[in-house]
Amino acid sequence: MIKIAIVRDPIYLKHSNGPGHPESPERLKAIDKLLKNFPWKSRIIDIPARQATFDELAWVHDSDYIKRIEMTKERSFTMLDPDTGAAFYVFDLAVLDVIILFWVEIEDN
């Protein structure tokens, strides 16, 4: 039987790209509500969130970039480039997101 993996963590509810953007806490709440009556609910497995290590992040990013993003934790908001901003929680959120991809890739092989 095919399983459906879901990673959930309260930090994901902090993420918002502003009014009208699809990445929002409301979207995650709506998904959770729909999953309560999901026909294949028995196939869902919850994967505990964990932060990627620096070495894991370095598999896909150079160390200067990782350190630059990590420094955003020291400020309430940082503009990374003209159209990309990062709130203080973005680094913690990003290292959780990376682990989702690593887990799925490892489990597939």
Protein backbone atom coordinates (compact mmCIF):
# COMPACT_ATOMS: atom_id res chain seq x y z
CA MET A 1 0.00 0.00 0.00
CA ILE A 2 1.30 3.44 -0.94
CA LYS A 3 1.75 5.74 2.05
CA ILE A 4 1.28 9.49 2.06
CA ALA A 5 3.85 11.30 4.19
CA ILE A 6 3.07 14.60 5.86
CA VAL A 7 5.43 16.74 7.92
CA ARG A 8 3.70 19.14 10.28
CA ASP A 9 5.14 21.64 12.71
CA PRO A 10 3.65 24.75 14.35
CA ILE A 11 6.36 26.93 12.76
CA TYR A 12 4.74 26.37 9.35
CA LEU A 13 1.71 28.35 10.60
CA LYS A 14 3.96 31.41 11.01
CA HIS A 15 4.86 31.50 7.33
CA SER A 16 3.07 34.03 5.16
CA ASN A 17 4.08 35.87 2.02
CA GLY A 18 1.51 38.55 2.57
CA PRO A 19 -2.19 39.05 1.83
CA GLY A 20 -3.51 37.11 -1.15
CA HIS A 21 -0.43 34.88 -1.52
CA PRO A 22 -1.24 31.14 -1.56
CA GLU A 23 1.52 30.30 0.95
CA SER A 24 -0.32 31.15 4.13
CA PRO A 25 -1.37 29.76 7.50
CA GLU A 26 -4.97 29.69 6.26
CA ARG A 27 -4.02 27.31 3.46
CA LEU A 28 -2.37 24.89 5.89
CA LYS A 29 -5.39 25.02 8.21
CA ALA A 30 -7.69 24.30 5.25
CA ILE A 31 -5.56 21.31 4.21
CA ASP A 32 -5.66 19.88 7.74
CA LYS A 33 -9.43 20.31 7.81
CA LEU A 34 -9.81 18.46 4.48
CA LEU A 35 -7.54 15.64 5.63
CA LYS A 36 -9.94 14.81 8.48
CA ASN A 37 -12.34 13.35 5.87
CA PHE A 38 -9.71 12.22 3.35
CA PRO A 39 -10.75 8.87 1.80
CA TRP A 40 -7.23 7.42 2.18
CA LYS A 41 -6.73 8.79 5.67
CA SER A 42 -5.36 5.42 6.82
CA ARG A 43 -2.45 5.80 4.38
CA ILE A 44 -1.22 9.06 5.92
CA ILE A 45 1.88 8.87 8.05
CA ASP A 46 3.14 11.84 10.01
CA ILE A 47 6.87 12.42 9.79
CA PRO A 48 8.34 14.32 12.72
CA ALA A 49 9.96 17.57 11.69
CA ARG A 50 13.66 18.00 12.40
CA GLN A 51 16.18 20.57 11.36
CA ALA A 52 18.70 19.73 8.68
CA THR A 53 22.30 19.88 9.79
CA PHE A 54 24.75 22.35 8.30
CA ASP A 55 26.38 19.46 6.40
CA GLU A 56 23.03 18.39 4.94
CA LEU A 57 22.31 21.94 3.81
CA ALA A 58 25.80 22.09 2.27
CA TRP A 59 24.86 19.22 -0.06
CA VAL A 60 22.91 21.79 -2.10
CA HIS A 61 24.07 25.26 -0.96
CA ASP A 62 27.48 26.79 -0.44
CA SER A 63 28.43 27.62 3.14
CA ASP A 64 28.42 31.42 2.62
CA TYR A 65 24.81 31.26 1.41
CA ILE A 66 23.75 29.13 4.39
CA LYS A 67 25.42 31.55 6.81
CA ARG A 68 23.80 34.54 5.05
CA ILE A 69 20.33 33.06 5.45
CA GLU A 70 21.05 32.01 9.03
CA MET A 71 21.91 35.64 9.86
CA THR A 72 18.30 36.61 9.07
CA LYS A 73 17.41 35.12 12.48
CA GLU A 74 18.99 38.20 14.07
CA ARG A 75 16.56 40.62 12.37
CA SER A 76 12.80 40.88 12.24
CA PHE A 77 12.91 41.19 8.43
CA THR A 78 15.72 41.08 5.85
CA MET A 79 15.59 41.83 2.14
CA LEU A 80 17.78 39.20 0.45
CA ASP A 81 17.38 40.68 -3.02
CA PRO A 82 14.90 43.09 -4.68
CA ASP A 83 12.00 40.59 -4.62
CA THR A 84 12.89 38.16 -1.79
CA GLY A 85 12.47 38.95 1.86
CA ALA A 86 13.02 36.81 4.94
CA ALA A 87 11.40 37.12 8.36
CA PHE A 88 13.30 36.06 11.51
CA TYR A 89 11.82 32.53 11.42
CA VAL A 90 12.65 31.75 7.77
CA PHE A 91 15.91 29.93 8.45
CA ASP A 92 14.28 27.59 10.98
CA LEU A 93 11.43 26.97 8.55
CA ALA A 94 13.78 26.36 5.63
CA VAL A 95 15.88 23.78 7.44
CA LEU A 96 12.69 21.87 8.29
CA ASP A 97 11.56 22.00 4.65
CA VAL A 98 14.88 20.61 3.44
CA ILE A 99 14.52 17.55 5.64
CA ILE A 100 11.21 16.72 3.97
CA LEU A 101 12.97 16.45 0.62
CA PHE A 102 15.84 14.41 2.06
CA TRP A 103 13.45 11.98 3.77
CA VAL A 104 11.35 11.43 0.66
CA GLU A 105 14.45 10.87 -1.49
CA ILE A 106 15.99 8.41 0.99
CA GLU A 107 12.74 6.47 1.40
CA ASP A 108 12.29 6.23 -2.38
CA ASN A 109 15.65 4.49 -2.86
